[in-house]
Amino acid sequence: MIQEKIIVGQGGDYPLDGMLTLPDPASAAAPFPAVVFVHGSGTSDMDEHIGGLYPFRDLAEGLAAHGIASIRYDKRSFKYHRKIVKKGEQVTVKEETIDDAILAAELLRKDPRIDPGSIYIVGHSMGAMLAPRIDAAGGNFKGMVLMAGTPRTMGEVVTDQLHDMSASMNALTRLLMSGQIKKFERIFAELDSIPDEEAKRRNYGGGVTLYYFKEIARYDAAELLMATEKPVLILQGGKDFQVSPEKDFNAYKERLAGRPNTEYMLFPELNHVFVPSVYGDINKAMKEYKVPQKIGEEVISVIAEWIHRQSVSTDSEAGTSAGSAAPAAAQV
């Protein structure tokens, strides 16, 4: 494995530190298929580090062992949060996530060691929600891997998380929290009717306004996926307490019913970060994520085999011999 420091968006207003991970040339031959990793919500470094977990680093190193290159990079809000807040910029996911993911894909395409026709997006959590939009906006990926995502709106997911948090609290805390939950439910229900300029003035928290959520809601992830026949792999942890296996994983299946080139895999014992669940309680999320763990081969091999299978299909269509296809991801 080779690791090279890179800059995503070099020469622009927000250059981001990143890492290009390449397979060992002694074990795999260039040009390599490659992936761009896209973070979940909030600020995050290139490894998507949280507590004792480094999911993007685990995936990058694991995929490299399977002959697949990758780019990961610090999220714009991680490196430039103070600058953005100080400038008073109206931040949407376009500025926070989408533009930089497209720049990362372009950087890969310029590298002669990368197969420009075999570049994939691997989105985690909100990154999975945004992956279809990033692809349509200019990412032009060969395919998409959606990890712990949802085709539902951010408002629905946030309010569900609040309900789950409240459920395990004592009666008094639940009572106090119920008013806050109703407030958020009302805000998200009325979001469409709030004028853009007003939404841009109303603060949600952390430098984010209501317009952030309103702008996201204008793009339906399932509709974007149905508009393309690009291959899609949807992965979910069965003990994910942030995105519901029942509501979100099944929502993909319902909304994408009949869509070709769509595969699903549920990992029953894994959580939102695709490591074994420890507490299984959203109120103990940070405690759970502090336990040092690594994403295992069971997840990495599914992604790697799926990517290689898409490349085999491309080579076969082009009339070249690429050997036998890897086994399909299990359908759940």
C-alpha atoms as a PDB file:
ATOM      1  CA  MET A   1       0.000   0.000   0.000  1.00  0.00           C
ATOM      2  CA  ILE A   2       1.187   3.520  -0.866  1.00  0.00           C
ATOM      3  CA  GLN A   3      -0.073   6.645   0.899  1.00  0.00           C
ATOM      4  CA  GLU A   4       0.456  10.060  -0.718  1.00  0.00           C
ATOM      5  CA  LYS A   5      -0.549  13.414   0.756  1.00  0.00           C
ATOM      6  CA  ILE A   6      -2.638  15.447  -1.669  1.00  0.00           C
ATOM      7  CA  ILE A   7      -4.597  18.711  -1.717  1.00  0.00           C
ATOM      8  CA  VAL A   8      -8.201  18.759  -2.904  1.00  0.00           C
ATOM      9  CA  GLY A   9      -9.135  22.129  -4.388  1.00  0.00           C
ATOM     10  CA  GLN A  10      -5.580  23.401  -4.594  1.00  0.00           C
ATOM     11  CA  GLY A  11      -5.523  27.002  -5.775  1.00  0.00           C
ATOM     12  CA  GLY A  12      -9.092  27.665  -4.632  1.00  0.00           C
ATOM     13  CA  ASP A  13     -10.479  29.409  -1.563  1.00  0.00           C
ATOM     14  CA  TYR A  14     -10.738  26.223   0.485  1.00  0.00           C
ATOM     15  CA  PRO A  15      -7.848  23.818  -0.218  1.00  0.00           C
ATOM     16  CA  LEU A  16      -8.246  20.627   1.795  1.00  0.00           C
ATOM     17  CA  ASP A  17      -5.608  18.232   3.098  1.00  0.00           C
ATOM     18  CA  GLY A  18      -6.184  14.740   1.808  1.00  0.00           C
ATOM     19  CA  MET A  19      -4.694  11.306   1.280  1.00  0.00           C
ATOM     20  CA  LEU A  20      -4.430   9.258  -1.876  1.00  0.00           C
ATOM     21  CA  THR A  21      -4.144   5.567  -0.996  1.00  0.00           C
ATOM     22  CA  LEU A  22      -2.874   3.242  -3.716  1.00  0.00           C
ATOM     23  CA  PRO A  23      -2.526  -0.542  -3.815  1.00  0.00           C
ATOM     24  CA  ASP A  24       0.927  -2.061  -3.557  1.00  0.00           C
ATOM     25  CA  PRO A  25       2.149  -2.171  -7.184  1.00  0.00           C
ATOM     26  CA  ALA A  26       3.731  -5.547  -6.429  1.00  0.00           C
ATOM     27  CA  SER A  27       0.297  -7.062  -5.821  1.00  0.00           C
ATOM     28  CA  ALA A  28      -1.936  -5.134  -8.251  1.00  0.00           C
ATOM     29  CA  ALA A  29      -1.370  -3.489 -11.599  1.00  0.00           C
ATOM     30  CA  ALA A  30      -2.305   0.068 -12.532  1.00  0.00           C
ATOM     31  CA  PRO A  31      -4.529   1.637 -13.672  1.00  0.00           C
ATOM     32  CA  PHE A  32      -6.607   0.999 -10.541  1.00  0.00           C
ATOM     33  CA  PRO A  33     -10.307   1.460  -9.900  1.00  0.00           C
ATOM     34  CA  ALA A  34     -10.766   4.127  -7.230  1.00  0.00           C
ATOM     35  CA  VAL A  35     -13.250   5.607  -4.782  1.00  0.00           C
ATOM     36  CA  VAL A  36     -13.966   9.034  -3.326  1.00  0.00           C
ATOM     37  CA  PHE A  37     -15.100   8.960   0.301  1.00  0.00           C
ATOM     38  CA  VAL A  38     -17.807  11.433   1.340  1.00  0.00           C
ATOM     39  CA  HIS A  39     -18.404  12.228   5.021  1.00  0.00           C
ATOM     40  CA  GLY A  40     -21.501  12.197   7.137  1.00  0.00           C
ATOM     41  CA  SER A  41     -22.975  15.290   8.796  1.00  0.00           C
ATOM     42  CA  GLY A  42     -20.990  17.680  10.962  1.00  0.00           C
ATOM     43  CA  THR A  43     -17.297  18.490  10.910  1.00  0.00           C
ATOM     44  CA  SER A  44     -14.926  15.624  10.178  1.00  0.00           C
ATOM     45  CA  ASP A  45     -11.318  14.988   9.216  1.00  0.00           C
ATOM     46  CA  MET A  46     -10.172  12.849   6.302  1.00  0.00           C
ATOM     47  CA  ASP A  47     -10.424   9.633   8.356  1.00  0.00           C
ATOM     48  CA  GLU A  48     -13.958  10.514   9.516  1.00  0.00           C
ATOM     49  CA  HIS A  49     -12.462  10.101  12.990  1.00  0.00           C
ATOM     50  CA  ILE A  50     -14.882   9.845  15.893  1.00  0.00           C
ATOM     51  CA  GLY A  51     -13.821   8.599  19.338  1.00  0.00           C
ATOM     52  CA  GLY A  52     -11.750   5.476  18.819  1.00  0.00           C
ATOM     53  CA  LEU A  53     -12.939   4.942  15.241  1.00  0.00           C
ATOM     54  CA  TYR A  54     -11.339   5.871  11.901  1.00  0.00           C
ATOM     55  CA  PRO A  55     -13.796   4.456   9.347  1.00  0.00           C
ATOM     56  CA  PHE A  56     -12.459   6.086   6.161  1.00  0.00           C
ATOM     57  CA  ARG A  57      -8.894   5.119   7.012  1.00  0.00           C
ATOM     58  CA  ASP A  58     -10.014   1.530   7.627  1.00  0.00           C
ATOM     59  CA  LEU A  59     -11.864   1.426   4.330  1.00  0.00           C
ATOM     60  CA  ALA A  60      -9.019   3.033   2.367  1.00  0.00           C
ATOM     61  CA  GLU A  61      -6.423   0.600   3.686  1.00  0.00           C
ATOM     62  CA  GLY A  62      -8.746  -2.372   3.314  1.00  0.00           C
ATOM     63  CA  LEU A  63      -9.712  -1.540  -0.262  1.00  0.00           C
ATOM     64  CA  ALA A  64      -6.060  -0.981  -1.193  1.00  0.00           C
ATOM     65  CA  ALA A  65      -5.390  -4.583  -0.176  1.00  0.00           C
ATOM     66  CA  HIS A  66      -8.046  -5.536  -2.759  1.00  0.00           C
ATOM     67  CA  GLY A  67      -6.433  -3.490  -5.552  1.00  0.00           C
ATOM     68  CA  ILE A  68      -8.628  -0.385  -5.207  1.00  0.00           C
ATOM     69  CA  ALA A  69      -7.301   3.162  -4.765  1.00  0.00           C
ATOM     70  CA  SER A  70      -9.059   5.943  -2.859  1.00  0.00           C
ATOM     71  CA  ILE A  71      -9.093   9.618  -1.941  1.00  0.00           C
ATOM     72  CA  ARG A  72     -10.136  10.888   1.458  1.00  0.00           C
ATOM     73  CA  TYR A  73      -9.841  14.489   2.633  1.00  0.00           C
ATOM     74  CA  ASP A  74     -10.765  16.834   5.460  1.00  0.00           C
ATOM     75  CA  LYS A  75     -14.295  18.143   5.225  1.00  0.00           C
ATOM     76  CA  ARG A  76     -14.505  21.860   4.475  1.00  0.00           C
ATOM     77  CA  SER A  77     -16.390  22.580   7.705  1.00  0.00           C
ATOM     78  CA  PHE A  78     -13.637  20.779   9.651  1.00  0.00           C
ATOM     79  CA  LYS A  79     -10.786  22.962   8.431  1.00  0.00           C
ATOM     80  CA  TYR A  80     -12.602  26.234   7.721  1.00  0.00           C
ATOM     81  CA  HIS A  81     -15.515  26.354  10.168  1.00  0.00           C
ATOM     82  CA  ARG A  82     -14.320  29.572  11.838  1.00  0.00           C
ATOM     83  CA  LYS A  83     -13.552  31.219   8.500  1.00  0.00           C
ATOM     84  CA  ILE A  84     -17.001  30.349   7.138  1.00  0.00           C
ATOM     85  CA  VAL A  85     -18.801  31.588  10.265  1.00  0.00           C
ATOM     86  CA  LYS A  86     -16.705  34.773  10.368  1.00  0.00           C
ATOM     87  CA  LYS A  87     -17.476  35.550   6.731  1.00  0.00           C
ATOM     88  CA  GLY A  88     -21.169  34.987   7.424  1.00  0.00           C
ATOM     89  CA  GLU A  89     -21.504  32.769   4.368  1.00  0.00           C
ATOM     90  CA  GLN A  90     -24.795  30.992   3.716  1.00  0.00           C
ATOM     91  CA  VAL A  91     -23.622  27.393   3.752  1.00  0.00           C
ATOM     92  CA  THR A  92     -25.500  24.617   2.006  1.00  0.00           C
ATOM     93  CA  VAL A  93     -24.368  21.061   1.311  1.00  0.00           C
ATOM     94  CA  LYS A  94     -23.155  22.292  -2.075  1.00  0.00           C
ATOM     95  CA  GLU A  95     -20.415  24.371  -0.470  1.00  0.00           C
ATOM     96  CA  GLU A  96     -19.915  22.048   2.483  1.00  0.00           C
ATOM     97  CA  THR A  97     -19.715  18.719   0.649  1.00  0.00           C
ATOM     98  CA  ILE A  98     -20.719  18.504  -3.019  1.00  0.00           C
ATOM     99  CA  ASP A  99     -18.179  20.834  -4.625  1.00  0.00           C
ATOM    100  CA  ASP A 100     -15.226  19.200  -2.866  1.00  0.00           C
ATOM    101  CA  ALA A 101     -16.330  15.643  -3.734  1.00  0.00           C
ATOM    102  CA  ILE A 102     -16.456  16.621  -7.405  1.00  0.00           C
ATOM    103  CA  LEU A 103     -12.971  18.166  -7.156  1.00  0.00           C
ATOM    104  CA  ALA A 104     -11.680  14.945  -5.578  1.00  0.00           C
ATOM    105  CA  ALA A 105     -13.109  12.888  -8.453  1.00  0.00           C
ATOM    106  CA  GLU A 106     -11.461  15.217 -10.977  1.00  0.00           C
ATOM    107  CA  LEU A 107      -8.137  14.832  -9.175  1.00  0.00           C
ATOM    108  CA  LEU A 108      -8.392  11.054  -9.493  1.00  0.00           C
ATOM    109  CA  ARG A 109      -9.176  11.254 -13.198  1.00  0.00           C
ATOM    110  CA  LYS A 110      -5.990  13.232 -13.825  1.00  0.00           C
ATOM    111  CA  ASP A 111      -3.805  10.587 -12.190  1.00  0.00           C
ATOM    112  CA  PRO A 112      -2.415   8.121 -14.790  1.00  0.00           C
ATOM    113  CA  ARG A 113      -2.396   5.363 -12.166  1.00  0.00           C
ATOM    114  CA  ILE A 114      -6.199   5.543 -11.893  1.00  0.00           C
ATOM    115  CA  ASP A 115      -8.699   4.082 -14.370  1.00  0.00           C
ATOM    116  CA  PRO A 116     -10.787   7.188 -15.196  1.00  0.00           C
ATOM    117  CA  GLY A 117     -13.757   5.013 -16.183  1.00  0.00           C
ATOM    118  CA  SER A 118     -13.819   3.140 -12.866  1.00  0.00           C
ATOM    119  CA  ILE A 119     -14.218   5.832 -10.228  1.00  0.00           C
ATOM    120  CA  TYR A 120     -16.892   5.289  -7.572  1.00  0.00           C
ATOM    121  CA  ILE A 121     -18.353   7.332  -4.740  1.00  0.00           C
ATOM    122  CA  VAL A 122     -18.585   5.822  -1.249  1.00  0.00           C
ATOM    123  CA  GLY A 123     -20.856   7.978   0.890  1.00  0.00           C
ATOM    124  CA  HIS A 124     -21.421   7.430   4.584  1.00  0.00           C
ATOM    125  CA  SER A 125     -24.534   8.604   6.438  1.00  0.00           C
ATOM    126  CA  MET A 126     -25.366  12.056   5.035  1.00  0.00           C
ATOM    127  CA  GLY A 127     -22.660  11.424   2.446  1.00  0.00           C
ATOM    128  CA  ALA A 128     -24.756   8.484   1.264  1.00  0.00           C
ATOM    129  CA  MET A 129     -27.837  10.705   1.118  1.00  0.00           C
ATOM    130  CA  LEU A 130     -25.935  13.199  -1.031  1.00  0.00           C
ATOM    131  CA  ALA A 131     -24.118  10.707  -3.279  1.00  0.00           C
ATOM    132  CA  PRO A 132     -26.807  10.631  -6.027  1.00  0.00           C
ATOM    133  CA  ARG A 133     -26.839  14.439  -6.091  1.00  0.00           C
ATOM    134  CA  ILE A 134     -23.023  14.633  -6.214  1.00  0.00           C
ATOM    135  CA  ASP A 135     -23.009  12.195  -9.122  1.00  0.00           C
ATOM    136  CA  ALA A 136     -25.669  14.165 -11.016  1.00  0.00           C
ATOM    137  CA  ALA A 137     -23.971  17.511 -10.278  1.00  0.00           C
ATOM    138  CA  GLY A 138     -20.756  16.524 -12.048  1.00  0.00           C
ATOM    139  CA  GLY A 139     -19.201  13.685 -10.094  1.00  0.00           C
ATOM    140  CA  ASN A 140     -19.975  11.371 -13.021  1.00  0.00           C
ATOM    141  CA  PHE A 141     -19.104   8.240 -11.092  1.00  0.00           C
ATOM    142  CA  LYS A 142     -19.164   4.710 -12.437  1.00  0.00           C
ATOM    143  CA  GLY A 143     -21.316   3.662  -9.487  1.00  0.00           C
ATOM    144  CA  MET A 144     -22.340   4.489  -5.926  1.00  0.00           C
ATOM    145  CA  VAL A 145     -21.876   2.781  -2.563  1.00  0.00           C
ATOM    146  CA  LEU A 146     -24.329   4.115   0.018  1.00  0.00           C
ATOM    147  CA  MET A 147     -23.411   3.276   3.617  1.00  0.00           C
ATOM    148  CA  ALA A 148     -25.980   3.946   6.363  1.00  0.00           C
ATOM    149  CA  GLY A 149     -27.885   6.437   4.256  1.00  0.00           C
ATOM    150  CA  THR A 150     -31.577   7.157   3.734  1.00  0.00           C
ATOM    151  CA  PRO A 151     -33.920   8.371   0.991  1.00  0.00           C
ATOM    152  CA  ARG A 152     -35.950  10.185   3.672  1.00  0.00           C
ATOM    153  CA  THR A 153     -35.484  13.856   4.540  1.00  0.00           C
ATOM    154  CA  MET A 154     -33.054  15.169   7.139  1.00  0.00           C
ATOM    155  CA  GLY A 155     -36.007  16.531   9.093  1.00  0.00           C
ATOM    156  CA  GLU A 156     -37.591  13.081   9.378  1.00  0.00           C
ATOM    157  CA  VAL A 157     -34.330  11.499  10.502  1.00  0.00           C
ATOM    158  CA  VAL A 158     -33.541  14.232  13.056  1.00  0.00           C
ATOM    159  CA  THR A 159     -36.976  14.080  14.680  1.00  0.00           C
ATOM    160  CA  ASP A 160     -36.864  10.272  14.791  1.00  0.00           C
ATOM    161  CA  GLN A 161     -33.492  10.458  16.540  1.00  0.00           C
ATOM    162  CA  LEU A 162     -34.933  12.874  19.107  1.00  0.00           C
ATOM    163  CA  HIS A 163     -37.849  10.508  19.777  1.00  0.00           C
ATOM    164  CA  ASP A 164     -35.424   7.600  20.219  1.00  0.00           C
ATOM    165  CA  MET A 165     -33.298   9.618  22.640  1.00  0.00           C
ATOM    166  CA  SER A 166     -36.350  10.615  24.636  1.00  0.00           C
ATOM    167  CA  ALA A 167     -37.724   7.064  24.877  1.00  0.00           C
ATOM    168  CA  SER A 168     -34.966   5.855  27.212  1.00  0.00           C
ATOM    169  CA  MET A 169     -34.993   8.914  29.497  1.00  0.00           C
ATOM    170  CA  ASN A 170     -36.818   9.335  32.784  1.00  0.00           C
ATOM    171  CA  ALA A 171     -40.369  10.704  32.817  1.00  0.00           C
ATOM    172  CA  LEU A 172     -39.424  14.270  33.762  1.00  0.00           C
ATOM    173  CA  THR A 173     -36.735  14.531  31.098  1.00  0.00           C
ATOM    174  CA  ARG A 174     -39.114  13.073  28.510  1.00  0.00           C
ATOM    175  CA  LEU A 175     -41.690  15.694  29.439  1.00  0.00           C
ATOM    176  CA  LEU A 176     -39.175  18.519  29.101  1.00  0.00           C
ATOM    177  CA  MET A 177     -37.860  17.132  25.839  1.00  0.00           C
ATOM    178  CA  SER A 178     -41.311  16.615  24.313  1.00  0.00           C
ATOM    179  CA  GLY A 179     -41.770  20.346  23.825  1.00  0.00           C
ATOM    180  CA  GLN A 180     -38.440  20.592  21.993  1.00  0.00           C
ATOM    181  CA  ILE A 181     -39.360  17.652  19.773  1.00  0.00           C
ATOM    182  CA  LYS A 182     -42.731  19.199  18.889  1.00  0.00           C
ATOM    183  CA  LYS A 183     -40.942  22.446  18.017  1.00  0.00           C
ATOM    184  CA  PHE A 184     -38.614  20.668  15.579  1.00  0.00           C
ATOM    185  CA  GLU A 185     -41.492  18.669  14.081  1.00  0.00           C
ATOM    186  CA  ARG A 186     -43.408  21.904  13.487  1.00  0.00           C
ATOM    187  CA  ILE A 187     -40.389  23.634  11.943  1.00  0.00           C
ATOM    188  CA  PHE A 188     -39.632  20.765   9.549  1.00  0.00           C
ATOM    189  CA  ALA A 189     -43.315  20.370   8.638  1.00  0.00           C
ATOM    190  CA  GLU A 190     -43.511  24.080   7.721  1.00  0.00           C
ATOM    191  CA  LEU A 191     -40.110  24.242   6.020  1.00  0.00           C
ATOM    192  CA  ASP A 192     -41.486  24.387   2.465  1.00  0.00           C
ATOM    193  CA  SER A 193     -43.696  27.347   3.297  1.00  0.00           C
ATOM    194  CA  ILE A 194     -40.932  29.432   4.903  1.00  0.00           C
ATOM    195  CA  PRO A 195     -39.573  31.958   2.358  1.00  0.00           C
ATOM    196  CA  ASP A 196     -35.924  31.405   1.454  1.00  0.00           C
ATOM    197  CA  GLU A 197     -34.749  34.729   2.869  1.00  0.00           C
ATOM    198  CA  GLU A 198     -36.460  34.055   6.179  1.00  0.00           C
ATOM    199  CA  ALA A 199     -35.014  30.512   6.301  1.00  0.00           C
ATOM    200  CA  LYS A 200     -31.552  32.001   5.740  1.00  0.00           C
ATOM    201  CA  ARG A 201     -32.020  34.267   8.771  1.00  0.00           C
ATOM    202  CA  ARG A 202     -33.343  31.635  11.146  1.00  0.00           C
ATOM    203  CA  ASN A 203     -30.544  29.867  12.983  1.00  0.00           C
ATOM    204  CA  TYR A 204     -30.719  26.117  13.593  1.00  0.00           C
ATOM    205  CA  GLY A 205     -27.412  25.777  15.452  1.00  0.00           C
ATOM    206  CA  GLY A 206     -23.689  25.411  14.832  1.00  0.00           C
ATOM    207  CA  GLY A 207     -23.678  28.154  12.220  1.00  0.00           C
ATOM    208  CA  VAL A 208     -26.375  26.352  10.207  1.00  0.00           C
ATOM    209  CA  THR A 209     -29.663  28.014   9.278  1.00  0.00           C
ATOM    210  CA  LEU A 210     -33.013  26.481   8.387  1.00  0.00           C
ATOM    211  CA  TYR A 211     -32.165  27.140   4.753  1.00  0.00           C
ATOM    212  CA  TYR A 212     -29.546  24.375   5.012  1.00  0.00           C
ATOM    213  CA  PHE A 213     -32.347  21.847   5.555  1.00  0.00           C
ATOM    214  CA  LYS A 214     -34.711  23.480   3.082  1.00  0.00           C
ATOM    215  CA  GLU A 215     -32.116  23.339   0.311  1.00  0.00           C
ATOM    216  CA  ILE A 216     -31.347  19.647   0.994  1.00  0.00           C
ATOM    217  CA  ALA A 217     -35.047  18.763   0.863  1.00  0.00           C
ATOM    218  CA  ARG A 218     -35.331  20.062  -2.712  1.00  0.00           C
ATOM    219  CA  TYR A 219     -33.411  17.033  -3.959  1.00  0.00           C
ATOM    220  CA  ASP A 220     -34.993  13.614  -3.573  1.00  0.00           C
ATOM    221  CA  ALA A 221     -32.263  10.956  -3.368  1.00  0.00           C
ATOM    222  CA  ALA A 222     -34.527   8.135  -4.556  1.00  0.00           C
ATOM    223  CA  GLU A 223     -35.755  10.141  -7.548  1.00  0.00           C
ATOM    224  CA  LEU A 224     -32.163  10.924  -8.532  1.00  0.00           C
ATOM    225  CA  LEU A 225     -31.284   7.233  -8.287  1.00  0.00           C
ATOM    226  CA  MET A 226     -34.313   6.244 -10.371  1.00  0.00           C
ATOM    227  CA  ALA A 227     -33.196   8.676 -13.071  1.00  0.00           C
ATOM    228  CA  THR A 228     -30.028   6.664 -13.695  1.00  0.00           C
ATOM    229  CA  GLU A 229     -29.232   2.989 -14.166  1.00  0.00           C
ATOM    230  CA  LYS A 230     -25.729   3.274 -12.713  1.00  0.00           C
ATOM    231  CA  PRO A 231     -24.902   0.432 -10.316  1.00  0.00           C
ATOM    232  CA  VAL A 232     -25.692   1.111  -6.668  1.00  0.00           C
ATOM    233  CA  LEU A 233     -24.745  -0.873  -3.555  1.00  0.00           C
ATOM    234  CA  ILE A 234     -26.704  -0.028  -0.384  1.00  0.00           C
ATOM    235  CA  LEU A 235     -25.202  -1.149   2.940  1.00  0.00           C
ATOM    236  CA  GLN A 236     -26.723  -0.936   6.418  1.00  0.00           C
ATOM    237  CA  GLY A 237     -25.850  -2.031   9.939  1.00  0.00           C
ATOM    238  CA  GLY A 238     -28.629  -3.969  11.658  1.00  0.00           C
ATOM    239  CA  LYS A 239     -27.889  -2.259  14.991  1.00  0.00           C
ATOM    240  CA  ASP A 240     -27.605   1.265  13.631  1.00  0.00           C
ATOM    241  CA  PHE A 241     -29.311   3.628  16.097  1.00  0.00           C
ATOM    242  CA  GLN A 242     -28.843   6.767  13.981  1.00  0.00           C
ATOM    243  CA  VAL A 243     -30.352   5.589  10.703  1.00  0.00           C
ATOM    244  CA  SER A 244     -33.083   2.999  11.075  1.00  0.00           C
ATOM    245  CA  PRO A 245     -32.694  -0.403   9.398  1.00  0.00           C
ATOM    246  CA  GLU A 246     -36.499  -0.661   9.403  1.00  0.00           C
ATOM    247  CA  LYS A 247     -37.387   2.835   8.208  1.00  0.00           C
ATOM    248  CA  ASP A 248     -34.396   3.834   6.101  1.00  0.00           C
ATOM    249  CA  PHE A 249     -32.937   0.619   4.667  1.00  0.00           C
ATOM    250  CA  ASN A 250     -36.437  -0.610   3.839  1.00  0.00           C
ATOM    251  CA  ALA A 251     -37.349   2.813   2.429  1.00  0.00           C
ATOM    252  CA  TYR A 252     -34.612   2.372  -0.162  1.00  0.00           C
ATOM    253  CA  LYS A 253     -36.083  -0.990  -1.150  1.00  0.00           C
ATOM    254  CA  GLU A 254     -39.579   0.434  -1.430  1.00  0.00           C
ATOM    255  CA  ARG A 255     -38.605   3.596  -3.314  1.00  0.00           C
ATOM    256  CA  LEU A 256     -36.189   1.775  -5.639  1.00  0.00           C
ATOM    257  CA  ALA A 257     -38.352  -1.291  -6.298  1.00  0.00           C
ATOM    258  CA  GLY A 258     -37.735  -2.523  -9.838  1.00  0.00           C
ATOM    259  CA  ARG A 259     -34.613  -0.412 -10.302  1.00  0.00           C
ATOM    260  CA  PRO A 260     -31.886  -2.384 -12.151  1.00  0.00           C
ATOM    261  CA  ASN A 261     -28.284  -2.623 -10.916  1.00  0.00           C
ATOM    262  CA  THR A 262     -29.275  -2.147  -7.265  1.00  0.00           C
ATOM    263  CA  GLU A 263     -27.982  -4.417  -4.517  1.00  0.00           C
ATOM    264  CA  TYR A 264     -28.507  -4.434  -0.754  1.00  0.00           C
ATOM    265  CA  MET A 265     -26.558  -5.847   2.156  1.00  0.00           C
ATOM    266  CA  LEU A 266     -27.520  -5.786   5.832  1.00  0.00           C
ATOM    267  CA  PHE A 267     -24.880  -6.542   8.478  1.00  0.00           C
ATOM    268  CA  PRO A 268     -27.007  -7.623  11.473  1.00  0.00           C
ATOM    269  CA  GLU A 269     -24.513  -6.974  14.293  1.00  0.00           C
ATOM    270  CA  LEU A 270     -22.936  -3.712  13.069  1.00  0.00           C
ATOM    271  CA  ASN A 271     -23.742  -0.139  14.030  1.00  0.00           C
ATOM    272  CA  HIS A 272     -23.827   3.156  12.123  1.00  0.00           C
ATOM    273  CA  VAL A 273     -20.044   3.150  11.630  1.00  0.00           C
ATOM    274  CA  PHE A 274     -20.036  -0.507  10.488  1.00  0.00           C
ATOM    275  CA  VAL A 275     -18.260  -1.900  13.544  1.00  0.00           C
ATOM    276  CA  PRO A 276     -19.809  -4.310  16.085  1.00  0.00           C
ATOM    277  CA  SER A 277     -22.462  -2.712  18.265  1.00  0.00           C
ATOM    278  CA  VAL A 278     -21.484  -2.273  21.931  1.00  0.00           C
ATOM    279  CA  TYR A 279     -24.406  -0.595  23.730  1.00  0.00           C
ATOM    280  CA  GLY A 280     -27.014  -0.238  20.990  1.00  0.00           C
ATOM    281  CA  ASP A 281     -28.390   2.944  22.562  1.00  0.00           C
ATOM    282  CA  ILE A 282     -28.444   6.340  20.840  1.00  0.00           C
ATOM    283  CA  ASN A 283     -27.952   8.027  24.225  1.00  0.00           C
ATOM    284  CA  LYS A 284     -24.667   6.129  24.572  1.00  0.00           C
ATOM    285  CA  ALA A 285     -23.494   6.918  21.054  1.00  0.00           C
ATOM    286  CA  MET A 286     -20.288   8.732  22.027  1.00  0.00           C
ATOM    287  CA  LYS A 287     -19.501   6.081  24.638  1.00  0.00           C
ATOM    288  CA  GLU A 288     -19.948   3.392  21.994  1.00  0.00           C
ATOM    289  CA  TYR A 289     -17.821   5.209  19.452  1.00  0.00           C
ATOM    290  CA  LYS A 290     -14.988   5.685  21.970  1.00  0.00           C
ATOM    291  CA  VAL A 291     -14.388   1.928  21.994  1.00  0.00           C
ATOM    292  CA  PRO A 292     -11.465   1.364  19.549  1.00  0.00           C
ATOM    293  CA  GLN A 293     -12.591  -0.868  16.687  1.00  0.00           C
ATOM    294  CA  LYS A 294     -11.920  -1.267  12.983  1.00  0.00           C
ATOM    295  CA  ILE A 295     -14.235  -1.883  10.058  1.00  0.00           C
ATOM    296  CA  GLY A 296     -13.803  -5.560   9.335  1.00  0.00           C
ATOM    297  CA  GLU A 297     -13.088  -7.574   6.234  1.00  0.00           C
ATOM    298  CA  GLU A 298     -16.744  -8.642   6.054  1.00  0.00           C
ATOM    299  CA  VAL A 299     -17.652  -5.089   4.966  1.00  0.00           C
ATOM    300  CA  ILE A 300     -14.523  -4.282   2.968  1.00  0.00           C
ATOM    301  CA  SER A 301     -14.675  -7.457   0.871  1.00  0.00           C
ATOM    302  CA  VAL A 302     -18.324  -6.841  -0.070  1.00  0.00           C
ATOM    303  CA  ILE A 303     -17.477  -3.350  -1.358  1.00  0.00           C
ATOM    304  CA  ALA A 304     -14.310  -4.531  -3.122  1.00  0.00           C
ATOM    305  CA  GLU A 305     -15.985  -7.484  -4.822  1.00  0.00           C
ATOM    306  CA  TRP A 306     -18.860  -5.273  -5.977  1.00  0.00           C
ATOM    307  CA  ILE A 307     -16.471  -2.667  -7.447  1.00  0.00           C
ATOM    308  CA  HIS A 308     -14.412  -5.298  -9.262  1.00  0.00           C
ATOM    309  CA  ARG A 309     -17.584  -6.855 -10.608  1.00  0.00           C
ATOM    310  CA  GLN A 310     -18.641  -3.530 -12.153  1.00  0.00           C
ATOM    311  CA  SER A 311     -15.206  -3.212 -13.755  1.00  0.00           C
ATOM    312  CA  VAL A 312     -15.494  -6.732 -15.143  1.00  0.00           C
ATOM    313  CA  SER A 313     -18.860  -5.807 -16.665  1.00  0.00           C
ATOM    314  CA  THR A 314     -17.354  -2.717 -18.278  1.00  0.00           C
ATOM    315  CA  ASP A 315     -14.453  -4.689 -19.739  1.00  0.00           C
ATOM    316  CA  SER A 316     -16.814  -7.386 -21.035  1.00  0.00           C
ATOM    317  CA  GLU A 317     -18.990  -4.785 -22.749  1.00  0.00           C
ATOM    318  CA  ALA A 318     -15.866  -3.380 -24.368  1.00  0.00           C
ATOM    319  CA  GLY A 319     -15.026  -6.821 -25.716  1.00  0.00           C
ATOM    320  CA  THR A 320     -11.983  -7.465 -23.514  1.00  0.00           C
ATOM    321  CA  SER A 321     -11.300 -10.441 -21.315  1.00  0.00           C
ATOM    322  CA  ALA A 322     -11.221  -9.631 -17.627  1.00  0.00           C
ATOM    323  CA  GLY A 323     -11.672 -13.025 -16.025  1.00  0.00           C
ATOM    324  CA  SER A 324     -14.605 -14.207 -13.939  1.00  0.00           C
ATOM    325  CA  ALA A 325     -16.812 -11.825 -11.996  1.00  0.00           C
ATOM    326  CA  ALA A 326     -16.653 -11.645  -8.225  1.00  0.00           C
ATOM    327  CA  PRO A 327     -19.633 -13.060  -6.313  1.00  0.00           C
ATOM    328  CA  ALA A 328     -22.637 -10.789  -5.931  1.00  0.00           C
ATOM    329  CA  ALA A 329     -23.434  -9.033  -2.682  1.00  0.00           C
ATOM    330  CA  ALA A 330     -26.133 -10.937  -0.809  1.00  0.00           C
ATOM    331  CA  GLN A 331     -29.689  -9.687  -1.219  1.00  0.00           C
ATOM    332  CA  VAL A 332     -31.575  -9.050   2.005  1.00  0.00           C
END
